[in-house]
Amino acid sequence: MYLPPAFAETDVQELHRIMRENALGMLITHTANGLEANHLPLLLDDGVLIAHVARANPLWREVRDGDEVLAVFRGAQGYISPNWYPSKQETHRRVPTWNYEVVHAHGTIHVRDEEKFVRRVVGLLTRQHEAGQPKPWKMADAPADFLQEQLGHIVGIEIRVQRLEAKRKLNQHHATPDREGAMAGLETQGNHALAQAMRSTALPTG
């Protein structure tokens, strides 16, 4: 990934936040048929990304244990109009751009076709994503025989993360008035998430 220093994010807690809040990761693998991309809810569990795929999904049969893979998490993103920059009105020397947050997780993939592992993955994913519900669904709500049947239709995978890299391209290289103009423009468009991401990003010093 092209990563200018001004846009590099190294705060591990910030990386984990982006991964947690944007759990549908894009898992890129290299198979005999070439590059493949699957879109999976991924959960970071003590340095390991865990997930499950449908048993019918060829992914788990096509990868080899220990293959290198890449999981991509996209955070807040959106178009930035040059009309939002005050300096554009003065000099007209501004162009459109796209601001975004992204995390790349590099690691190795390992298939875990064991009921205990799969049950734990489903339990952890459910707990995380049901947390905001008024009455969170839990696995025990389903009949035991039905749950057993459903677990048989999925296969667990884990990605042992070796390296994280992240980019937060949020107008850090622009003057404060232009950044504030862009944030105001985003707010009028309803893109509050990207405006807040820009607001919370520390500017380079020196």
N, C-alpha and C. Protein backbone atom coordinates (compact mmCIF):
# COMPACT_ATOMS: atom_id res chain seq x y z
N MET A 1 0.85 -1.19 0.00
CA MET A 1 0.00 0.00 0.00
C MET A 1 0.88 1.24 0.00
N TYR A 2 0.55 2.18 -0.87
CA TYR A 2 1.25 3.46 -0.90
C TYR A 2 0.92 4.19 0.39
N LEU A 3 1.96 4.55 1.16
CA LEU A 3 1.73 5.07 2.51
C LEU A 3 2.64 6.26 2.81
N PRO A 4 2.26 7.47 2.36
CA PRO A 4 3.03 8.65 2.73
C PRO A 4 3.07 8.81 4.25
N PRO A 5 4.19 9.23 4.81
CA PRO A 5 4.31 9.34 6.27
C PRO A 5 3.20 10.14 6.93
N ALA A 6 2.72 11.19 6.27
CA ALA A 6 1.68 12.04 6.88
C ALA A 6 0.38 11.28 7.10
N PHE A 7 0.17 10.21 6.33
CA PHE A 7 -1.08 9.46 6.42
C PHE A 7 -0.94 8.15 7.19
N ALA A 8 0.26 7.80 7.59
CA ALA A 8 0.48 6.53 8.30
C ALA A 8 -0.10 6.60 9.71
N GLU A 9 -0.84 5.56 10.09
CA GLU A 9 -1.39 5.47 11.44
C GLU A 9 -0.70 4.31 12.16
N THR A 10 -0.07 4.60 13.28
CA THR A 10 0.67 3.56 14.00
C THR A 10 0.10 3.26 15.38
N ASP A 11 -0.92 4.01 15.79
CA ASP A 11 -1.53 3.77 17.09
C ASP A 11 -2.32 2.46 17.04
N VAL A 12 -1.84 1.44 17.74
CA VAL A 12 -2.45 0.11 17.69
C VAL A 12 -3.91 0.15 18.13
N GLN A 13 -4.22 0.94 19.14
CA GLN A 13 -5.60 1.04 19.60
C GLN A 13 -6.50 1.61 18.51
N GLU A 14 -5.98 2.55 17.75
CA GLU A 14 -6.76 3.13 16.65
C GLU A 14 -6.98 2.10 15.54
N LEU A 15 -5.95 1.32 15.26
CA LEU A 15 -6.09 0.26 14.26
C LEU A 15 -7.14 -0.75 14.69
N HIS A 16 -7.07 -1.15 15.94
CA HIS A 16 -8.05 -2.11 16.45
C HIS A 16 -9.46 -1.55 16.42
N ARG A 17 -9.59 -0.25 16.68
CA ARG A 17 -10.92 0.38 16.63
C ARG A 17 -11.50 0.29 15.22
N ILE A 18 -10.69 0.62 14.23
CA ILE A 18 -11.17 0.56 12.85
C ILE A 18 -11.57 -0.87 12.49
N MET A 19 -10.78 -1.84 12.90
CA MET A 19 -11.09 -3.24 12.60
C MET A 19 -12.37 -3.68 13.32
N ARG A 20 -12.54 -3.23 14.55
CA ARG A 20 -13.71 -3.63 15.34
C ARG A 20 -14.99 -2.99 14.79
N GLU A 21 -14.91 -1.70 14.44
CA GLU A 21 -16.10 -0.99 14.00
C GLU A 21 -16.46 -1.26 12.54
N ASN A 22 -15.55 -1.87 11.81
CA ASN A 22 -15.77 -2.19 10.39
C ASN A 22 -15.43 -3.65 10.17
N ALA A 23 -16.20 -4.50 10.82
CA ALA A 23 -15.84 -5.92 10.95
C ALA A 23 -15.90 -6.71 9.66
N LEU A 24 -16.64 -6.22 8.65
CA LEU A 24 -16.72 -6.97 7.40
C LEU A 24 -15.43 -6.75 6.63
N GLY A 25 -14.50 -7.64 6.82
CA GLY A 25 -13.21 -7.53 6.16
C GLY A 25 -13.20 -8.18 4.79
N MET A 26 -12.30 -7.74 3.94
CA MET A 26 -12.09 -8.37 2.65
C MET A 26 -10.85 -9.25 2.76
N LEU A 27 -11.04 -10.55 2.69
CA LEU A 27 -9.95 -11.50 2.82
C LEU A 27 -9.45 -11.88 1.43
N ILE A 28 -8.19 -11.56 1.17
CA ILE A 28 -7.59 -11.82 -0.14
C ILE A 28 -6.64 -13.00 -0.03
N THR A 29 -6.88 -14.01 -0.86
CA THR A 29 -6.06 -15.22 -0.86
C THR A 29 -5.53 -15.46 -2.27
N HIS A 30 -4.47 -16.25 -2.35
CA HIS A 30 -3.92 -16.63 -3.65
C HIS A 30 -4.09 -18.13 -3.80
N THR A 31 -4.91 -18.52 -4.77
CA THR A 31 -5.20 -19.93 -4.99
C THR A 31 -4.69 -20.36 -6.36
N ALA A 32 -4.93 -21.62 -6.68
CA ALA A 32 -4.52 -22.14 -7.99
C ALA A 32 -5.24 -21.41 -9.12
N ASN A 33 -6.39 -20.83 -8.80
CA ASN A 33 -7.17 -20.09 -9.80
C ASN A 33 -6.80 -18.61 -9.85
N GLY A 34 -5.80 -18.21 -9.04
CA GLY A 34 -5.41 -16.81 -8.99
C GLY A 34 -5.88 -16.15 -7.71
N LEU A 35 -5.92 -14.83 -7.73
CA LEU A 35 -6.34 -14.08 -6.55
C LEU A 35 -7.84 -14.22 -6.33
N GLU A 36 -8.22 -14.41 -5.07
CA GLU A 36 -9.63 -14.50 -4.70
C GLU A 36 -9.90 -13.53 -3.56
N ALA A 37 -11.09 -12.96 -3.52
CA ALA A 37 -11.49 -12.07 -2.43
C ALA A 37 -12.81 -12.56 -1.85
N ASN A 38 -12.84 -12.74 -0.55
CA ASN A 38 -14.06 -13.10 0.17
C ASN A 38 -14.33 -12.03 1.21
N HIS A 39 -15.59 -11.78 1.46
CA HIS A 39 -16.00 -10.73 2.39
C HIS A 39 -16.62 -11.40 3.62
N LEU A 40 -15.92 -11.26 4.75
CA LEU A 40 -16.28 -12.02 5.94
C LEU A 40 -16.27 -11.14 7.19
N PRO A 41 -17.22 -11.34 8.10
CA PRO A 41 -17.08 -10.70 9.42
C PRO A 41 -15.87 -11.31 10.13
N LEU A 42 -14.91 -10.48 10.48
CA LEU A 42 -13.68 -10.94 11.11
C LEU A 42 -13.58 -10.33 12.51
N LEU A 43 -13.11 -11.13 13.45
CA LEU A 43 -13.00 -10.68 14.83
C LEU A 43 -11.57 -10.86 15.30
N LEU A 44 -10.98 -9.79 15.83
CA LEU A 44 -9.62 -9.86 16.35
C LEU A 44 -9.67 -10.42 17.76
N ASP A 45 -9.03 -11.55 17.96
CA ASP A 45 -9.06 -12.27 19.23
C ASP A 45 -7.63 -12.56 19.66
N ASP A 46 -7.09 -11.67 20.50
CA ASP A 46 -5.74 -11.86 21.04
C ASP A 46 -4.70 -12.05 19.94
N GLY A 47 -4.70 -11.14 18.97
CA GLY A 47 -3.71 -11.18 17.92
C GLY A 47 -4.02 -12.10 16.75
N VAL A 48 -5.18 -12.75 16.81
CA VAL A 48 -5.59 -13.66 15.75
C VAL A 48 -6.95 -13.23 15.23
N LEU A 49 -7.11 -13.18 13.91
CA LEU A 49 -8.42 -12.92 13.33
C LEU A 49 -9.15 -14.23 13.16
N ILE A 50 -10.38 -14.29 13.65
CA ILE A 50 -11.16 -15.52 13.53
C ILE A 50 -12.43 -15.24 12.74
N ALA A 51 -12.91 -16.27 12.05
CA ALA A 51 -14.11 -16.13 11.23
C ALA A 51 -14.61 -17.52 10.88
N HIS A 52 -15.71 -17.56 10.14
CA HIS A 52 -16.17 -18.82 9.59
C HIS A 52 -16.70 -18.58 8.19
N VAL A 53 -16.66 -19.62 7.38
CA VAL A 53 -17.19 -19.57 6.03
C VAL A 53 -18.17 -20.71 5.84
N ALA A 54 -19.03 -20.58 4.87
CA ALA A 54 -19.94 -21.67 4.54
C ALA A 54 -19.13 -22.88 4.09
N ARG A 55 -19.57 -24.05 4.48
CA ARG A 55 -18.87 -25.27 4.05
C ARG A 55 -18.85 -25.37 2.53
N ALA A 56 -19.87 -24.80 1.88
CA ALA A 56 -19.94 -24.83 0.42
C ALA A 56 -18.94 -23.87 -0.22
N ASN A 57 -18.39 -22.94 0.56
CA ASN A 57 -17.42 -21.98 0.03
C ASN A 57 -16.09 -22.71 -0.22
N PRO A 58 -15.58 -22.67 -1.45
CA PRO A 58 -14.33 -23.41 -1.75
C PRO A 58 -13.09 -22.83 -1.06
N LEU A 59 -13.22 -21.67 -0.46
CA LEU A 59 -12.05 -21.03 0.15
C LEU A 59 -11.27 -21.98 1.05
N TRP A 60 -11.96 -22.65 1.95
CA TRP A 60 -11.25 -23.44 2.96
C TRP A 60 -10.57 -24.67 2.39
N ARG A 61 -10.99 -25.08 1.20
CA ARG A 61 -10.34 -26.22 0.54
C ARG A 61 -9.20 -25.77 -0.37
N GLU A 62 -9.28 -24.54 -0.85
CA GLU A 62 -8.30 -24.06 -1.82
C GLU A 62 -7.03 -23.52 -1.19
N VAL A 63 -7.11 -23.07 0.06
CA VAL A 63 -5.90 -22.56 0.72
C VAL A 63 -5.14 -23.70 1.37
N ARG A 64 -3.85 -23.49 1.51
CA ARG A 64 -3.00 -24.44 2.23
C ARG A 64 -2.68 -23.88 3.60
N ASP A 65 -2.52 -24.75 4.55
CA ASP A 65 -2.23 -24.30 5.90
C ASP A 65 -0.96 -23.46 5.91
N GLY A 66 -1.08 -22.26 6.44
CA GLY A 66 0.08 -21.37 6.52
C GLY A 66 0.24 -20.45 5.33
N ASP A 67 -0.67 -20.50 4.36
CA ASP A 67 -0.59 -19.56 3.22
C ASP A 67 -0.65 -18.12 3.71
N GLU A 68 0.09 -17.24 3.05
CA GLU A 68 0.01 -15.83 3.37
C GLU A 68 -1.28 -15.24 2.79
N VAL A 69 -1.94 -14.42 3.61
CA VAL A 69 -3.18 -13.78 3.18
C VAL A 69 -3.17 -12.32 3.63
N LEU A 70 -4.14 -11.58 3.11
CA LEU A 70 -4.29 -10.17 3.47
C LEU A 70 -5.76 -9.91 3.77
N ALA A 71 -6.03 -9.34 4.93
CA ALA A 71 -7.39 -8.92 5.29
C ALA A 71 -7.43 -7.40 5.31
N VAL A 72 -8.40 -6.83 4.62
CA VAL A 72 -8.52 -5.38 4.49
C VAL A 72 -9.79 -4.91 5.20
N PHE A 73 -9.63 -3.90 6.05
CA PHE A 73 -10.75 -3.29 6.76
C PHE A 73 -10.85 -1.83 6.33
N ARG A 74 -12.01 -1.44 5.81
CA ARG A 74 -12.22 -0.05 5.39
C ARG A 74 -13.05 0.67 6.42
N GLY A 75 -12.53 1.82 6.88
CA GLY A 75 -13.25 2.62 7.85
C GLY A 75 -14.03 3.74 7.17
N ALA A 76 -14.08 4.88 7.81
CA ALA A 76 -14.80 6.03 7.25
C ALA A 76 -14.15 6.43 5.93
N GLN A 77 -14.99 6.85 4.97
CA GLN A 77 -14.45 7.25 3.67
C GLN A 77 -15.47 8.14 2.97
N GLY A 78 -14.97 8.92 2.02
CA GLY A 78 -15.88 9.76 1.25
C GLY A 78 -15.16 10.76 0.36
N TYR A 79 -15.92 11.30 -0.56
CA TYR A 79 -15.44 12.27 -1.55
C TYR A 79 -15.31 13.65 -0.90
N ILE A 80 -14.24 14.37 -1.27
CA ILE A 80 -14.00 15.73 -0.79
C ILE A 80 -14.03 16.69 -1.98
N SER A 81 -14.97 17.62 -1.97
CA SER A 81 -15.07 18.59 -3.06
C SER A 81 -14.13 19.77 -2.81
N PRO A 82 -13.44 20.23 -3.85
CA PRO A 82 -12.57 21.41 -3.68
C PRO A 82 -13.37 22.66 -3.33
N ASN A 83 -14.67 22.65 -3.62
CA ASN A 83 -15.50 23.80 -3.29
C ASN A 83 -15.61 24.02 -1.78
N TRP A 84 -15.26 23.01 -1.00
CA TRP A 84 -15.36 23.13 0.46
C TRP A 84 -14.15 23.85 1.07
N TYR A 85 -13.09 24.02 0.28
CA TYR A 85 -11.89 24.66 0.79
C TYR A 85 -11.99 26.18 0.63
N PRO A 86 -11.85 26.94 1.69
CA PRO A 86 -11.82 28.40 1.55
C PRO A 86 -10.74 28.88 0.58
N SER A 87 -9.59 28.21 0.57
CA SER A 87 -8.49 28.65 -0.30
C SER A 87 -8.83 28.51 -1.78
N LYS A 88 -9.76 27.61 -2.08
CA LYS A 88 -10.16 27.44 -3.48
C LYS A 88 -10.81 28.72 -3.99
N GLN A 89 -11.59 29.36 -3.14
CA GLN A 89 -12.26 30.60 -3.55
C GLN A 89 -11.25 31.71 -3.82
N GLU A 90 -10.08 31.60 -3.18
CA GLU A 90 -9.06 32.65 -3.33
C GLU A 90 -8.12 32.39 -4.50
N THR A 91 -7.69 31.14 -4.64
CA THR A 91 -6.65 30.84 -5.64
C THR A 91 -7.11 29.88 -6.73
N HIS A 92 -8.18 29.13 -6.47
CA HIS A 92 -8.69 28.09 -7.38
C HIS A 92 -7.67 26.97 -7.60
N ARG A 93 -6.66 26.91 -6.73
CA ARG A 93 -5.63 25.88 -6.86
C ARG A 93 -5.94 24.73 -5.91
N ARG A 94 -7.09 24.10 -6.10
CA ARG A 94 -7.50 22.94 -5.32
C ARG A 94 -8.20 21.96 -6.25
N VAL A 95 -8.07 20.67 -5.96
CA VAL A 95 -8.69 19.63 -6.79
C VAL A 95 -9.46 18.67 -5.88
N PRO A 96 -10.35 17.87 -6.47
CA PRO A 96 -11.09 16.88 -5.66
C PRO A 96 -10.16 15.80 -5.12
N THR A 97 -10.60 15.16 -4.05
CA THR A 97 -9.84 14.03 -3.51
C THR A 97 -10.81 13.10 -2.80
N TRP A 98 -10.28 12.02 -2.27
CA TRP A 98 -11.08 11.05 -1.53
C TRP A 98 -10.35 10.78 -0.22
N ASN A 99 -11.03 11.00 0.88
CA ASN A 99 -10.46 10.72 2.19
C ASN A 99 -10.94 9.36 2.68
N TYR A 100 -10.09 8.68 3.44
CA TYR A 100 -10.48 7.34 3.90
C TYR A 100 -9.55 6.84 5.01
N GLU A 101 -10.06 5.80 5.68
CA GLU A 101 -9.28 5.05 6.67
C GLU A 101 -9.26 3.59 6.21
N VAL A 102 -8.10 2.96 6.30
CA VAL A 102 -8.01 1.55 5.93
C VAL A 102 -6.93 0.87 6.76
N VAL A 103 -7.18 -0.38 7.11
CA VAL A 103 -6.20 -1.20 7.83
C VAL A 103 -5.94 -2.46 7.01
N HIS A 104 -4.68 -2.80 6.83
CA HIS A 104 -4.28 -4.05 6.17
C HIS A 104 -3.70 -4.98 7.24
N ALA A 105 -4.24 -6.16 7.34
CA ALA A 105 -3.72 -7.17 8.27
C ALA A 105 -3.08 -8.28 7.46
N HIS A 106 -1.77 -8.42 7.58
CA HIS A 106 -1.02 -9.46 6.88
C HIS A 106 -0.82 -10.63 7.84
N GLY A 107 -1.02 -11.83 7.35
CA GLY A 107 -0.83 -12.98 8.21
C GLY A 107 -0.91 -14.29 7.46
N THR A 108 -1.03 -15.37 8.20
CA THR A 108 -1.14 -16.70 7.60
C THR A 108 -2.49 -17.30 7.97
N ILE A 109 -3.06 -18.06 7.03
CA ILE A 109 -4.39 -18.62 7.23
C ILE A 109 -4.30 -20.09 7.66
N HIS A 110 -5.23 -20.46 8.54
CA HIS A 110 -5.27 -21.83 9.05
C HIS A 110 -6.74 -22.25 9.18
N VAL A 111 -7.07 -23.36 8.53
CA VAL A 111 -8.45 -23.87 8.57
C VAL A 111 -8.66 -24.62 9.86
N ARG A 112 -9.78 -24.34 10.53
CA ARG A 112 -10.12 -24.98 11.80
C ARG A 112 -11.50 -25.63 11.68
N ASP A 113 -11.52 -26.83 11.16
CA ASP A 113 -12.78 -27.55 10.97
C ASP A 113 -13.09 -28.43 12.19
N GLU A 114 -13.18 -27.75 13.33
CA GLU A 114 -13.50 -28.47 14.58
C GLU A 114 -14.70 -27.79 15.22
N GLU A 115 -15.64 -28.58 15.69
CA GLU A 115 -16.87 -28.02 16.24
C GLU A 115 -16.60 -27.06 17.40
N LYS A 116 -15.67 -27.40 18.27
CA LYS A 116 -15.39 -26.55 19.42
C LYS A 116 -14.93 -25.17 18.98
N PHE A 117 -14.05 -25.14 17.99
CA PHE A 117 -13.55 -23.85 17.48
C PHE A 117 -14.67 -23.06 16.83
N VAL A 118 -15.44 -23.73 15.97
CA VAL A 118 -16.52 -23.05 15.25
C VAL A 118 -17.56 -22.50 16.21
N ARG A 119 -17.90 -23.29 17.21
CA ARG A 119 -18.88 -22.85 18.20
C ARG A 119 -18.37 -21.61 18.93
N ARG A 120 -17.08 -21.58 19.25
CA ARG A 120 -16.52 -20.41 19.93
C ARG A 120 -16.54 -19.18 19.03
N VAL A 121 -16.22 -19.36 17.74
CA VAL A 121 -16.24 -18.25 16.80
C VAL A 121 -17.64 -17.64 16.72
N VAL A 122 -18.64 -18.50 16.57
CA VAL A 122 -20.02 -18.01 16.48
C VAL A 122 -20.42 -17.31 17.77
N GLY A 123 -20.01 -17.87 18.90
CA GLY A 123 -20.34 -17.26 20.18
C GLY A 123 -19.73 -15.88 20.34
N LEU A 124 -18.45 -15.74 19.96
CA LEU A 124 -17.77 -14.45 20.10
C LEU A 124 -18.32 -13.41 19.13
N LEU A 125 -18.56 -13.82 17.88
CA LEU A 125 -19.12 -12.90 16.91
C LEU A 125 -20.52 -12.43 17.34
N THR A 126 -21.31 -13.38 17.82
CA THR A 126 -22.66 -13.06 18.26
C THR A 126 -22.63 -12.08 19.42
N ARG A 127 -21.77 -12.35 20.38
CA ARG A 127 -21.68 -11.49 21.55
C ARG A 127 -21.31 -10.06 21.15
N GLN A 128 -20.38 -9.93 20.21
CA GLN A 128 -19.95 -8.59 19.81
C GLN A 128 -21.05 -7.85 19.07
N HIS A 129 -21.68 -8.52 18.10
CA HIS A 129 -22.60 -7.81 17.23
C HIS A 129 -24.02 -7.73 17.77
N GLU A 130 -24.34 -8.51 18.78
CA GLU A 130 -25.65 -8.41 19.42
C GLU A 130 -25.63 -7.45 20.61
N ALA A 131 -24.44 -6.97 20.96
CA ALA A 131 -24.30 -6.17 22.19
C ALA A 131 -25.21 -4.95 22.21
N GLY A 132 -25.48 -4.37 21.06
CA GLY A 132 -26.29 -3.16 21.02
C GLY A 132 -27.78 -3.40 20.92
N GLN A 133 -28.18 -4.65 20.86
CA GLN A 133 -29.60 -4.97 20.76
C GLN A 133 -30.29 -4.86 22.11
N PRO A 134 -31.57 -4.47 22.12
CA PRO A 134 -32.30 -4.37 23.40
C PRO A 134 -32.33 -5.70 24.15
N LYS A 135 -32.49 -6.78 23.40
CA LYS A 135 -32.49 -8.11 24.00
C LYS A 135 -31.57 -8.99 23.14
N PRO A 136 -30.28 -9.00 23.44
CA PRO A 136 -29.31 -9.71 22.58
C PRO A 136 -29.65 -11.19 22.39
N TRP A 137 -29.56 -11.62 21.12
CA TRP A 137 -29.74 -13.03 20.82
C TRP A 137 -28.50 -13.77 21.27
N LYS A 138 -28.68 -14.97 21.79
CA LYS A 138 -27.55 -15.82 22.18
C LYS A 138 -27.78 -17.21 21.63
N MET A 139 -26.71 -17.96 21.52
CA MET A 139 -26.79 -19.27 20.90
C MET A 139 -27.77 -20.19 21.62
N ALA A 140 -27.89 -20.02 22.92
CA ALA A 140 -28.79 -20.87 23.71
C ALA A 140 -30.26 -20.62 23.36
N ASP A 141 -30.55 -19.51 22.65
CA ASP A 141 -31.93 -19.24 22.25
C ASP A 141 -32.43 -20.22 21.20
N ALA A 142 -31.50 -20.81 20.43
CA ALA A 142 -31.87 -21.74 19.37
C ALA A 142 -31.95 -23.17 19.91
N PRO A 143 -32.87 -23.99 19.40
CA PRO A 143 -32.93 -25.40 19.81
C PRO A 143 -31.58 -26.08 19.58
N ALA A 144 -31.17 -26.91 20.48
CA ALA A 144 -29.85 -27.53 20.43
C ALA A 144 -29.62 -28.30 19.13
N ASP A 145 -30.64 -29.05 18.69
CA ASP A 145 -30.45 -29.85 17.47
C ASP A 145 -30.34 -28.96 16.23
N PHE A 146 -31.11 -27.86 16.22
CA PHE A 146 -31.03 -26.92 15.10
C PHE A 146 -29.66 -26.26 15.05
N LEU A 147 -29.17 -25.82 16.22
CA LEU A 147 -27.86 -25.17 16.29
C LEU A 147 -26.77 -26.13 15.84
N GLN A 148 -26.85 -27.37 16.27
CA GLN A 148 -25.85 -28.38 15.88
C GLN A 148 -25.83 -28.55 14.37
N GLU A 149 -27.01 -28.56 13.77
CA GLU A 149 -27.11 -28.71 12.32
C GLU A 149 -26.48 -27.52 11.61
N GLN A 150 -26.78 -26.31 12.11
CA GLN A 150 -26.25 -25.11 11.48
C GLN A 150 -24.73 -25.02 11.60
N LEU A 151 -24.20 -25.42 12.74
CA LEU A 151 -22.74 -25.40 12.93
C LEU A 151 -22.05 -26.34 11.95
N GLY A 152 -22.74 -27.39 11.58
CA GLY A 152 -22.17 -28.34 10.63
C GLY A 152 -22.04 -27.79 9.22
N HIS A 153 -22.72 -26.67 8.96
CA HIS A 153 -22.69 -26.07 7.62
C HIS A 153 -21.59 -25.03 7.47
N ILE A 154 -20.80 -24.81 8.51
CA ILE A 154 -19.74 -23.79 8.43
C ILE A 154 -18.40 -24.38 8.87
N VAL A 155 -17.34 -23.71 8.43
CA VAL A 155 -15.97 -24.13 8.75
C VAL A 155 -15.24 -22.91 9.32
N GLY A 156 -14.48 -23.12 10.38
CA GLY A 156 -13.75 -22.03 11.01
C GLY A 156 -12.42 -21.77 10.33
N ILE A 157 -12.01 -20.51 10.38
CA ILE A 157 -10.67 -20.15 9.90
C ILE A 157 -10.06 -19.18 10.90
N GLU A 158 -8.75 -19.19 10.96
CA GLU A 158 -8.04 -18.19 11.75
C GLU A 158 -6.89 -17.64 10.93
N ILE A 159 -6.64 -16.36 11.14
CA ILE A 159 -5.53 -15.69 10.47
C ILE A 159 -4.59 -15.19 11.55
N ARG A 160 -3.42 -15.75 11.60
CA ARG A 160 -2.42 -15.36 12.60
C ARG A 160 -1.71 -14.11 12.09
N VAL A 161 -2.09 -12.99 12.67
CA VAL A 161 -1.62 -11.69 12.18
C VAL A 161 -0.14 -11.51 12.47
N GLN A 162 0.59 -11.19 11.42
CA GLN A 162 2.03 -10.95 11.54
C GLN A 162 2.38 -9.47 11.46
N ARG A 163 1.52 -8.71 10.78
CA ARG A 163 1.83 -7.29 10.59
C ARG A 163 0.56 -6.53 10.28
N LEU A 164 0.41 -5.36 10.91
CA LEU A 164 -0.68 -4.44 10.60
C LEU A 164 -0.10 -3.16 10.03
N GLU A 165 -0.74 -2.65 9.00
CA GLU A 165 -0.39 -1.33 8.50
C GLU A 165 -1.69 -0.58 8.23
N ALA A 166 -1.65 0.71 8.49
CA ALA A 166 -2.89 1.48 8.36
C ALA A 166 -2.63 2.84 7.75
N LYS A 167 -3.63 3.31 7.03
CA LYS A 167 -3.57 4.61 6.39
C LYS A 167 -4.83 5.39 6.74
N ARG A 168 -4.64 6.62 7.20
CA ARG A 168 -5.76 7.52 7.45
C ARG A 168 -5.49 8.79 6.65
N LYS A 169 -6.03 8.84 5.46
CA LYS A 169 -5.83 9.98 4.55
C LYS A 169 -6.96 10.96 4.84
N LEU A 170 -6.66 11.98 5.65
CA LEU A 170 -7.71 12.85 6.18
C LEU A 170 -7.33 14.32 6.10
N ASN A 171 -6.73 14.71 4.97
CA ASN A 171 -6.36 16.11 4.73
C ASN A 171 -5.34 16.64 5.73
N GLN A 172 -4.51 15.76 6.29
CA GLN A 172 -3.51 16.23 7.26
C GLN A 172 -2.55 17.25 6.65
N HIS A 173 -2.38 17.22 5.34
CA HIS A 173 -1.42 18.09 4.68
C HIS A 173 -2.02 19.43 4.27
N HIS A 174 -3.28 19.67 4.64
CA HIS A 174 -3.93 20.93 4.29
C HIS A 174 -3.98 21.87 5.48
N ALA A 175 -4.07 23.15 5.21
CA ALA A 175 -4.17 24.16 6.27
C ALA A 175 -5.47 23.98 7.05
N THR A 176 -5.46 24.42 8.28
CA THR A 176 -6.61 24.24 9.16
C THR A 176 -7.91 24.78 8.57
N PRO A 177 -7.95 25.96 7.98
CA PRO A 177 -9.22 26.45 7.41
C PRO A 177 -9.78 25.51 6.34
N ASP A 178 -8.90 24.95 5.50
CA ASP A 178 -9.37 24.04 4.46
C ASP A 178 -9.88 22.73 5.07
N ARG A 179 -9.20 22.24 6.10
CA ARG A 179 -9.67 21.01 6.77
C ARG A 179 -11.03 21.26 7.41
N GLU A 180 -11.18 22.40 8.04
CA GLU A 180 -12.46 22.73 8.68
C GLU A 180 -13.56 22.89 7.64
N GLY A 181 -13.22 23.47 6.49
CA GLY A 181 -14.19 23.59 5.41
C GLY A 181 -14.63 22.23 4.90
N ALA A 182 -13.66 21.30 4.77
CA ALA A 182 -13.98 19.95 4.31
C ALA A 182 -14.87 19.22 5.33
N MET A 183 -14.57 19.38 6.60
CA MET A 183 -15.39 18.75 7.64
C MET A 183 -16.81 19.29 7.62
N ALA A 184 -16.94 20.61 7.44
CA ALA A 184 -18.28 21.20 7.37
C ALA A 184 -19.02 20.69 6.14
N GLY A 185 -18.32 20.56 5.01
CA GLY A 185 -18.94 20.02 3.80
C GLY A 185 -19.43 18.60 3.99
N LEU A 186 -18.62 17.80 4.65
CA LEU A 186 -19.01 16.41 4.91
C LEU A 186 -20.25 16.35 5.81
N GLU A 187 -20.28 17.23 6.79
CA GLU A 187 -21.44 17.25 7.70
C GLU A 187 -22.72 17.58 6.92
N THR A 188 -22.63 18.52 5.98
CA THR A 188 -23.83 18.87 5.21
C THR A 188 -24.27 17.71 4.32
N GLN A 189 -23.33 16.83 3.95
CA GLN A 189 -23.65 15.66 3.14
C GLN A 189 -24.11 14.48 3.99
N GLY A 190 -24.04 14.63 5.30
CA GLY A 190 -24.46 13.53 6.19
C GLY A 190 -23.37 12.54 6.50
N ASN A 191 -22.13 12.82 6.05
CA ASN A 191 -21.03 11.89 6.31
C ASN A 191 -20.36 12.29 7.63
N HIS A 192 -21.06 12.06 8.73
CA HIS A 192 -20.56 12.47 10.04
C HIS A 192 -19.36 11.63 10.47
N ALA A 193 -19.33 10.37 10.04
CA ALA A 193 -18.24 9.49 10.45
C ALA A 193 -16.90 9.99 9.93
N LEU A 194 -16.86 10.40 8.66
CA LEU A 194 -15.60 10.88 8.10
C LEU A 194 -15.23 12.23 8.69
N ALA A 195 -16.21 13.09 8.91
CA ALA A 195 -15.93 14.38 9.53
C ALA A 195 -15.34 14.18 10.92
N GLN A 196 -15.89 13.24 11.67
CA GLN A 196 -15.37 12.98 13.02
C GLN A 196 -13.98 12.38 12.96
N ALA A 197 -13.72 11.52 11.98
CA ALA A 197 -12.39 10.94 11.83
C ALA A 197 -11.36 12.04 11.57
N MET A 198 -11.72 12.99 10.71
CA MET A 198 -10.81 14.11 10.44
C MET A 198 -10.60 14.95 11.70
N ARG A 199 -11.68 15.17 12.42
CA ARG A 199 -11.62 15.99 13.63
C ARG A 199 -10.71 15.37 14.68
N SER A 200 -10.69 14.06 14.73
CA SER A 200 -9.94 13.36 15.80
C SER A 200 -8.49 13.07 15.42
N THR A 201 -8.11 13.39 14.19
CA THR A 201 -6.77 13.06 13.71
C THR A 201 -5.78 14.16 14.08
N ALA A 202 -4.72 13.74 14.73
CA ALA A 202 -3.67 14.71 15.08
C ALA A 202 -2.93 15.13 13.84
N LEU A 203 -2.62 16.39 13.74
CA LEU A 203 -1.85 16.90 12.59
C LEU A 203 -0.37 16.72 12.84
N PRO A 204 0.42 16.55 11.78
CA PRO A 204 1.86 16.43 11.93
C PRO A 204 2.44 17.67 12.60
N THR A 205 3.47 17.47 13.38
CA THR A 205 4.13 18.60 14.03
C THR A 205 5.45 18.89 13.34
N GLY A 206 5.97 20.08 13.60
CA GLY A 206 7.27 20.43 13.05
C GLY A 206 7.17 21.07 11.68
